[in-house]
């Protein structure tokens, strides 16, 4: 077969591209909605975690004040009280207020994945309240570090 039998090929006109078609409006609306939802989730997360940022800031101030004076007894006490306030805010006063010693440490461990508080921390808290000998600096700073992690990462 040759060209003469069929005639010349007729090419169609090129398809015009334009953003004025309805599909682009729908896609634009969906993308805008997605951006609004993401922004709303980010703002909600930021507002809900305000107490964590404030608690970390307070803990850093407490640490700076007491560690500079080598007053590790008060550092442990204030750190524990701050952790209790955070827990009361998050989980309710009735649940947290009565917890002491090993029970308090177990409760804190139950509220995050890491579970790094141990019996040494419970004895550190008990000895801090009932004895007059200052705790070792390493134990105190380790307890403060664990408490910072707990404040940042505990479950709501």
N, C-alpha and C. Protein backbone atom coordinates (compact mmCIF):
# COMPACT_ATOMS: atom_id res chain seq x y z
N UNK A 1 0.83 -1.17 0.00
CA UNK A 1 0.00 0.00 0.00
C UNK A 1 0.88 1.23 0.00
N UNK A 2 0.43 2.16 -0.71
CA UNK A 2 1.20 3.39 -0.72
C UNK A 2 0.31 4.57 -0.33
N UNK A 3 0.92 5.71 -0.26
CA UNK A 3 0.26 6.91 0.22
C UNK A 3 -0.91 7.33 -0.66
N UNK A 4 -0.84 7.06 -1.83
CA UNK A 4 -1.87 7.51 -2.76
C UNK A 4 -3.19 6.79 -2.55
N UNK A 5 -3.15 5.62 -1.98
CA UNK A 5 -4.39 4.89 -1.77
C UNK A 5 -5.22 5.50 -0.64
N UNK A 6 -4.56 5.99 0.41
CA UNK A 6 -5.30 6.49 1.56
C UNK A 6 -5.38 8.02 1.59
N UNK A 7 -4.60 8.68 0.96
CA UNK A 7 -4.57 10.13 1.00
C UNK A 7 -3.58 10.61 2.05
N UNK A 8 -3.59 11.84 2.27
CA UNK A 8 -2.65 12.42 3.23
C UNK A 8 -3.20 12.31 4.64
N UNK A 9 -2.30 12.07 5.64
CA UNK A 9 -2.72 11.99 7.04
C UNK A 9 -3.18 13.35 7.54
N UNK A 10 -4.26 13.35 8.26
CA UNK A 10 -4.77 14.59 8.84
C UNK A 10 -4.45 14.54 10.35
N UNK A 11 -3.63 15.43 10.78
CA UNK A 11 -3.28 15.48 12.20
C UNK A 11 -4.28 16.33 12.95
N UNK A 12 -4.65 15.88 14.16
CA UNK A 12 -5.60 16.68 14.94
C UNK A 12 -4.92 17.94 15.48
N UNK A 13 -5.72 18.91 15.84
CA UNK A 13 -5.19 20.15 16.41
C UNK A 13 -4.61 19.84 17.79
N UNK A 14 -3.55 20.52 18.18
CA UNK A 14 -2.98 20.27 19.51
C UNK A 14 -3.98 20.60 20.61
N UNK A 15 -3.91 19.81 21.66
CA UNK A 15 -4.81 20.02 22.80
C UNK A 15 -4.33 21.24 23.56
N UNK A 16 -5.25 22.14 23.82
CA UNK A 16 -4.89 23.36 24.54
C UNK A 16 -4.81 23.05 26.03
N UNK A 17 -3.76 23.56 26.67
CA UNK A 17 -3.57 23.38 28.11
C UNK A 17 -4.00 24.67 28.80
N UNK A 18 -4.83 24.51 29.83
CA UNK A 18 -5.26 25.69 30.57
C UNK A 18 -5.59 25.28 31.99
N UNK A 19 -5.36 26.19 32.92
CA UNK A 19 -5.69 25.93 34.33
C UNK A 19 -7.15 26.25 34.63
N UNK A 20 -7.91 26.60 33.65
CA UNK A 20 -9.31 26.97 33.90
C UNK A 20 -10.26 25.78 33.84
N UNK A 21 -9.72 24.59 33.76
CA UNK A 21 -10.58 23.42 33.76
C UNK A 21 -10.97 23.07 35.19
N UNK A 22 -12.12 22.45 35.40
CA UNK A 22 -12.61 22.16 36.76
C UNK A 22 -11.70 21.25 37.58
N UNK A 23 -10.98 20.37 36.95
CA UNK A 23 -10.10 19.46 37.70
C UNK A 23 -9.02 20.19 38.46
N UNK A 24 -8.50 21.25 37.91
CA UNK A 24 -7.46 22.03 38.61
C UNK A 24 -8.04 22.74 39.82
N UNK A 25 -9.28 23.20 39.71
CA UNK A 25 -9.92 23.85 40.87
C UNK A 25 -10.13 22.86 42.01
N UNK A 26 -10.54 21.66 41.65
CA UNK A 26 -10.75 20.62 42.67
C UNK A 26 -9.42 20.26 43.31
N UNK A 27 -8.38 20.07 42.51
CA UNK A 27 -7.05 19.74 43.06
C UNK A 27 -6.53 20.88 43.94
N UNK A 28 -6.70 22.11 43.49
CA UNK A 28 -6.27 23.27 44.29
C UNK A 28 -7.00 23.34 45.61
N UNK A 29 -8.31 23.09 45.60
CA UNK A 29 -9.09 23.11 46.83
C UNK A 29 -8.65 22.00 47.78
N UNK A 30 -8.39 20.82 47.24
CA UNK A 30 -7.93 19.71 48.08
C UNK A 30 -6.57 20.00 48.70
N UNK A 31 -5.65 20.56 47.91
CA UNK A 31 -4.33 20.91 48.45
C UNK A 31 -4.44 21.99 49.52
N UNK A 32 -5.29 22.98 49.29
CA UNK A 32 -5.50 24.03 50.29
C UNK A 32 -6.09 23.45 51.57
N UNK A 33 -7.05 22.57 51.43
CA UNK A 33 -7.64 21.91 52.59
C UNK A 33 -6.60 21.08 53.35
N UNK A 34 -5.77 20.38 52.61
CA UNK A 34 -4.70 19.59 53.24
C UNK A 34 -3.74 20.48 54.01
N UNK A 35 -3.35 21.60 53.43
CA UNK A 35 -2.46 22.53 54.12
C UNK A 35 -3.10 23.11 55.38
N UNK A 36 -4.38 23.41 55.31
CA UNK A 36 -5.09 23.93 56.49
C UNK A 36 -5.14 22.89 57.59
N UNK A 37 -5.41 21.64 57.24
CA UNK A 37 -5.46 20.56 58.24
C UNK A 37 -4.09 20.35 58.87
N UNK A 38 -3.03 20.35 58.07
CA UNK A 38 -1.68 20.16 58.60
C UNK A 38 -1.31 21.31 59.53
N UNK A 39 -1.62 22.54 59.14
CA UNK A 39 -1.33 23.70 59.99
C UNK A 39 -2.12 23.62 61.29
N UNK A 40 -3.39 23.22 61.21
CA UNK A 40 -4.21 23.11 62.41
C UNK A 40 -3.66 22.04 63.36
N UNK A 41 -3.25 20.90 62.81
CA UNK A 41 -2.67 19.85 63.64
C UNK A 41 -1.37 20.31 64.30
N UNK A 42 -0.55 21.02 63.56
CA UNK A 42 0.71 21.52 64.12
C UNK A 42 0.44 22.51 65.25
N UNK A 43 -0.47 23.44 65.04
CA UNK A 43 -0.78 24.43 66.08
C UNK A 43 -1.39 23.75 67.30
N UNK A 44 -2.28 22.79 67.08
CA UNK A 44 -2.88 22.06 68.20
C UNK A 44 -1.82 21.32 69.01
N UNK A 45 -0.91 20.66 68.32
CA UNK A 45 0.18 19.95 69.00
C UNK A 45 1.06 20.92 69.78
N UNK A 46 1.36 22.06 69.20
CA UNK A 46 2.19 23.07 69.86
C UNK A 46 1.50 23.59 71.12
N UNK A 47 0.22 23.88 71.04
CA UNK A 47 -0.51 24.40 72.20
C UNK A 47 -0.66 23.33 73.27
N UNK A 48 -0.95 22.11 72.89
CA UNK A 48 -1.13 21.04 73.87
C UNK A 48 0.16 20.71 74.62
N UNK A 49 1.30 20.97 74.02
CA UNK A 49 2.58 20.65 74.66
C UNK A 49 3.25 21.85 75.30
N UNK A 50 2.51 22.91 75.47
CA UNK A 50 3.06 24.11 76.12
C UNK A 50 3.54 23.79 77.54
N UNK A 51 2.75 23.01 78.28
CA UNK A 51 3.13 22.69 79.65
C UNK A 51 4.48 21.96 79.70
N UNK A 52 4.79 21.16 78.69
CA UNK A 52 6.08 20.46 78.66
C UNK A 52 7.23 21.46 78.51
N UNK A 53 7.07 22.42 77.60
CA UNK A 53 8.12 23.42 77.40
C UNK A 53 8.33 24.25 78.65
N UNK A 54 7.24 24.63 79.32
CA UNK A 54 7.36 25.41 80.54
C UNK A 54 8.00 24.59 81.66
N UNK A 55 7.66 23.32 81.75
CA UNK A 55 8.24 22.47 82.79
C UNK A 55 9.74 22.26 82.56
N UNK A 56 10.14 22.06 81.32
CA UNK A 56 11.57 21.90 81.01
C UNK A 56 12.32 23.19 81.35
N UNK A 57 11.73 24.31 81.02
CA UNK A 57 12.36 25.59 81.34
C UNK A 57 12.50 25.76 82.86
N UNK A 58 11.46 25.41 83.61
CA UNK A 58 11.53 25.49 85.07
C UNK A 58 12.59 24.54 85.62
N UNK A 59 12.65 23.35 85.06
CA UNK A 59 13.63 22.36 85.53
C UNK A 59 15.05 22.83 85.25
N UNK A 60 15.26 23.47 84.13
CA UNK A 60 16.60 24.00 83.83
C UNK A 60 16.97 25.12 84.81
N UNK A 61 16.00 25.95 85.17
CA UNK A 61 16.26 26.99 86.16
C UNK A 61 16.57 26.39 87.52
N UNK A 62 15.79 25.39 87.91
CA UNK A 62 16.02 24.70 89.20
C UNK A 62 17.40 24.06 89.20
N UNK A 63 17.73 23.40 88.12
CA UNK A 63 19.03 22.73 88.02
C UNK A 63 20.17 23.74 88.10
N UNK A 64 20.03 24.83 87.40
CA UNK A 64 21.07 25.85 87.44
C UNK A 64 21.24 26.46 88.83
N UNK A 65 20.13 26.67 89.51
CA UNK A 65 20.17 27.31 90.83
C UNK A 65 20.79 26.39 91.89
N UNK A 66 20.34 25.14 91.93
CA UNK A 66 20.81 24.24 92.99
C UNK A 66 22.13 23.55 92.67
N UNK A 67 22.35 23.21 91.42
CA UNK A 67 23.60 22.52 91.07
C UNK A 67 24.79 23.48 91.21
N UNK A 68 24.58 24.75 90.97
CA UNK A 68 25.67 25.72 91.12
C UNK A 68 26.13 25.81 92.57
N UNK A 69 25.21 25.60 93.51
CA UNK A 69 25.54 25.65 94.94
C UNK A 69 25.82 24.27 95.52
N UNK A 70 25.88 23.26 94.68
CA UNK A 70 26.08 21.86 95.12
C UNK A 70 25.03 21.42 96.14
N UNK A 71 23.83 21.94 95.99
CA UNK A 71 22.72 21.60 96.87
C UNK A 71 21.87 20.53 96.19
N UNK A 72 22.36 19.31 96.18
CA UNK A 72 21.71 18.24 95.44
C UNK A 72 20.48 17.70 96.15
N UNK A 73 20.39 17.89 97.46
CA UNK A 73 19.20 17.48 98.20
C UNK A 73 17.98 18.26 97.71
N UNK A 74 18.11 19.57 97.66
CA UNK A 74 17.00 20.41 97.19
C UNK A 74 16.76 20.23 95.70
N UNK A 75 17.82 19.96 94.95
CA UNK A 75 17.66 19.72 93.52
C UNK A 75 16.77 18.50 93.27
N UNK A 76 17.01 17.43 94.00
CA UNK A 76 16.19 16.22 93.84
C UNK A 76 14.76 16.48 94.30
N UNK A 77 14.61 17.17 95.41
CA UNK A 77 13.28 17.46 95.93
C UNK A 77 12.48 18.30 94.94
N UNK A 78 13.06 19.39 94.46
CA UNK A 78 12.36 20.28 93.54
C UNK A 78 12.07 19.59 92.19
N UNK A 79 13.00 18.77 91.74
CA UNK A 79 12.78 18.02 90.50
C UNK A 79 11.61 17.07 90.65
N UNK A 80 11.55 16.38 91.77
CA UNK A 80 10.46 15.45 92.04
C UNK A 80 9.13 16.20 92.13
N UNK A 81 9.13 17.34 92.79
CA UNK A 81 7.89 18.11 92.92
C UNK A 81 7.42 18.63 91.56
N UNK A 82 8.35 19.02 90.72
CA UNK A 82 7.99 19.46 89.37
C UNK A 82 7.39 18.30 88.56
N UNK A 83 8.00 17.14 88.68
CA UNK A 83 7.47 15.96 87.98
C UNK A 83 6.06 15.63 88.49
N UNK A 84 5.84 15.79 89.78
CA UNK A 84 4.50 15.55 90.34
C UNK A 84 3.50 16.55 89.80
N UNK A 85 3.90 17.83 89.72
CA UNK A 85 2.98 18.84 89.19
C UNK A 85 2.63 18.55 87.73
N UNK A 86 3.62 18.14 86.95
CA UNK A 86 3.35 17.79 85.56
C UNK A 86 2.40 16.60 85.49
N UNK A 87 2.64 15.60 86.31
CA UNK A 87 1.78 14.42 86.31
C UNK A 87 0.36 14.77 86.77
N UNK A 88 0.24 15.64 87.76
CA UNK A 88 -1.10 16.04 88.22
C UNK A 88 -1.83 16.81 87.13
N UNK A 89 -1.12 17.65 86.42
CA UNK A 89 -1.73 18.39 85.32
C UNK A 89 -2.20 17.44 84.22
N UNK A 90 -1.39 16.45 83.93
CA UNK A 90 -1.69 15.55 82.82
C UNK A 90 -2.69 14.46 83.19
N UNK A 91 -2.53 13.85 84.35
CA UNK A 91 -3.32 12.67 84.70
C UNK A 91 -4.34 12.90 85.81
N UNK A 92 -4.33 14.06 86.43
CA UNK A 92 -5.30 14.37 87.48
C UNK A 92 -4.72 14.22 88.88
N UNK A 93 -5.15 15.11 89.75
CA UNK A 93 -4.65 15.15 91.13
C UNK A 93 -4.99 13.87 91.89
N UNK A 94 -6.20 13.35 91.72
CA UNK A 94 -6.61 12.16 92.48
C UNK A 94 -5.75 10.95 92.17
N UNK A 95 -5.28 10.86 90.96
CA UNK A 95 -4.48 9.72 90.54
C UNK A 95 -3.06 9.81 91.06
N UNK A 96 -2.49 11.01 91.11
CA UNK A 96 -1.06 11.18 91.33
C UNK A 96 -0.70 11.59 92.76
N UNK A 97 -1.54 12.37 93.41
CA UNK A 97 -1.16 13.02 94.66
C UNK A 97 -0.70 12.05 95.75
N UNK A 98 -1.30 10.90 95.84
CA UNK A 98 -0.96 9.96 96.91
C UNK A 98 0.22 9.04 96.63
N UNK A 99 0.80 9.12 95.47
CA UNK A 99 1.88 8.20 95.11
C UNK A 99 3.19 8.63 95.75
N UNK A 100 3.90 7.66 96.32
CA UNK A 100 5.19 7.92 96.97
C UNK A 100 6.16 6.78 96.66
N UNK A 101 7.44 7.08 96.72
CA UNK A 101 8.49 6.07 96.64
C UNK A 101 8.42 5.18 95.42
N UNK A 102 8.48 3.88 95.68
CA UNK A 102 8.48 2.87 94.61
C UNK A 102 7.21 2.95 93.76
N UNK A 103 6.09 3.22 94.42
CA UNK A 103 4.81 3.34 93.72
C UNK A 103 4.84 4.51 92.72
N UNK A 104 5.42 5.63 93.13
CA UNK A 104 5.55 6.81 92.27
C UNK A 104 6.47 6.52 91.08
N UNK A 105 7.59 5.87 91.35
CA UNK A 105 8.53 5.53 90.28
C UNK A 105 7.88 4.58 89.27
N UNK A 106 7.15 3.57 89.77
CA UNK A 106 6.45 2.64 88.87
C UNK A 106 5.39 3.35 88.04
N UNK A 107 4.71 4.30 88.66
CA UNK A 107 3.69 5.06 87.93
C UNK A 107 4.34 5.87 86.81
N UNK A 108 5.44 6.54 87.12
CA UNK A 108 6.12 7.32 86.09
C UNK A 108 6.60 6.41 84.96
N UNK A 109 7.13 5.25 85.29
CA UNK A 109 7.58 4.30 84.26
C UNK A 109 6.41 3.80 83.41
N UNK A 110 5.22 3.71 84.01
CA UNK A 110 4.07 3.21 83.25
C UNK A 110 3.56 4.23 82.24
N UNK A 111 4.02 5.46 82.35
CA UNK A 111 3.50 6.52 81.48
C UNK A 111 4.45 6.90 80.35
N UNK A 112 5.48 6.10 80.10
CA UNK A 112 6.33 6.33 78.94
C UNK A 112 7.00 5.05 78.53
N UNK A 113 7.55 5.03 77.33
CA UNK A 113 8.11 3.79 76.77
C UNK A 113 9.45 3.41 77.36
N UNK A 114 10.24 4.39 77.70
CA UNK A 114 11.63 4.12 78.07
C UNK A 114 11.77 3.37 79.39
N UNK A 115 10.96 3.70 80.37
CA UNK A 115 10.97 3.07 81.69
C UNK A 115 12.36 3.06 82.32
N UNK A 116 13.00 4.22 82.36
CA UNK A 116 14.37 4.27 82.85
C UNK A 116 14.49 4.53 84.35
N UNK A 117 13.40 4.88 85.02
CA UNK A 117 13.47 5.02 86.48
C UNK A 117 13.56 3.63 87.09
N UNK A 118 14.35 3.51 88.15
CA UNK A 118 14.54 2.20 88.76
C UNK A 118 14.51 2.31 90.28
N UNK A 119 14.83 1.22 90.97
CA UNK A 119 14.78 1.21 92.44
C UNK A 119 15.80 2.16 93.04
N UNK A 120 16.90 2.42 92.33
CA UNK A 120 17.87 3.40 92.84
C UNK A 120 17.24 4.78 92.93
N UNK A 121 16.39 5.11 91.98
CA UNK A 121 15.72 6.40 92.01
C UNK A 121 14.72 6.46 93.16
N UNK A 122 14.02 5.36 93.40
CA UNK A 122 13.08 5.32 94.52
C UNK A 122 13.81 5.48 95.84
N UNK A 123 14.94 4.80 95.99
CA UNK A 123 15.71 4.93 97.23
C UNK A 123 16.34 6.32 97.33
N UNK A 124 16.70 6.91 96.21
CA UNK A 124 17.23 8.28 96.21
C UNK A 124 16.18 9.25 96.72
N UNK A 125 14.94 9.10 96.28
CA UNK A 125 13.87 9.97 96.75
C UNK A 125 13.59 9.74 98.23
N UNK A 126 13.57 8.48 98.66
CA UNK A 126 13.30 8.17 100.06
C UNK A 126 14.42 8.68 100.95
N UNK A 127 15.66 8.46 100.55
CA UNK A 127 16.80 8.94 101.35
C UNK A 127 16.86 10.45 101.37
N UNK A 128 16.45 11.07 100.30
CA UNK A 128 16.47 12.52 100.22
C UNK A 128 15.52 13.14 101.24
N UNK A 129 14.40 12.47 101.51
CA UNK A 129 13.42 13.00 102.43
C UNK A 129 13.80 12.69 103.88
N UNK A 130 14.34 11.51 104.14
CA UNK A 130 14.51 11.05 105.51
C UNK A 130 15.93 11.09 106.06
N UNK A 131 16.92 11.44 105.26
CA UNK A 131 18.28 11.51 105.79
C UNK A 131 18.85 12.91 105.57
N UNK A 132 19.90 13.20 106.27
CA UNK A 132 20.51 14.51 106.16
C UNK A 132 21.80 14.49 105.36
N UNK A 133 22.22 13.32 104.91
CA UNK A 133 23.44 13.26 104.11
C UNK A 133 23.10 13.61 102.66
N UNK A 134 23.89 14.46 102.04
CA UNK A 134 23.59 14.85 100.65
C UNK A 134 23.81 13.68 99.70
N UNK A 135 22.98 13.59 98.69
CA UNK A 135 23.14 12.51 97.70
C UNK A 135 24.34 12.78 96.81
N UNK A 136 24.89 11.75 96.19
CA UNK A 136 25.99 11.96 95.24
C UNK A 136 25.54 12.81 94.05
N UNK A 137 26.43 13.65 93.57
CA UNK A 137 26.11 14.55 92.46
C UNK A 137 25.71 13.78 91.21
N UNK A 138 26.38 12.66 90.95
CA UNK A 138 26.08 11.89 89.74
C UNK A 138 24.65 11.35 89.76
N UNK A 139 24.24 10.84 90.93
CA UNK A 139 22.87 10.32 91.05
C UNK A 139 21.85 11.43 90.87
N UNK A 140 22.12 12.57 91.45
CA UNK A 140 21.18 13.69 91.35
C UNK A 140 21.05 14.18 89.92
N UNK A 141 22.17 14.35 89.23
CA UNK A 141 22.09 14.83 87.85
C UNK A 141 21.47 13.77 86.93
N UNK A 142 21.70 12.49 87.22
CA UNK A 142 21.07 11.43 86.44
C UNK A 142 19.55 11.44 86.63
N UNK A 143 19.12 11.65 87.87
CA UNK A 143 17.69 11.72 88.16
C UNK A 143 17.05 12.91 87.44
N UNK A 144 17.73 14.05 87.44
CA UNK A 144 17.22 15.23 86.74
C UNK A 144 17.14 14.96 85.24
N UNK A 145 18.14 14.31 84.70
CA UNK A 145 18.15 13.99 83.27
C UNK A 145 17.00 13.05 82.91
N UNK A 146 16.78 12.04 83.74
CA UNK A 146 15.66 11.12 83.49
C UNK A 146 14.33 11.86 83.58
N UNK A 147 14.22 12.77 84.52
CA UNK A 147 12.98 13.53 84.68
C UNK A 147 12.73 14.42 83.48
N UNK A 148 13.78 15.03 82.94
CA UNK A 148 13.63 15.84 81.71
C UNK A 148 13.12 14.98 80.57
N UNK A 149 13.69 13.80 80.41
CA UNK A 149 13.24 12.89 79.35
C UNK A 149 11.77 12.50 79.57
N UNK A 150 11.42 12.24 80.82
CA UNK A 150 10.04 11.85 81.14
C UNK A 150 9.08 12.99 80.78
N UNK A 151 9.44 14.20 81.14
CA UNK A 151 8.58 15.35 80.84
C UNK A 151 8.40 15.49 79.32
N UNK A 152 9.46 15.31 78.58
CA UNK A 152 9.39 15.46 77.11
C UNK A 152 8.57 14.36 76.46
N UNK A 153 8.64 13.13 76.98
CA UNK A 153 8.13 11.99 76.23
C UNK A 153 7.01 11.18 76.90
N UNK A 154 6.49 11.64 78.02
CA UNK A 154 5.43 10.84 78.66
C UNK A 154 4.16 10.86 77.82
N UNK A 155 3.36 9.83 78.03
CA UNK A 155 2.10 9.71 77.28
C UNK A 155 1.08 10.67 77.86
N UNK A 156 0.20 11.14 77.00
CA UNK A 156 -0.87 12.02 77.48
C UNK A 156 -2.08 11.22 77.85
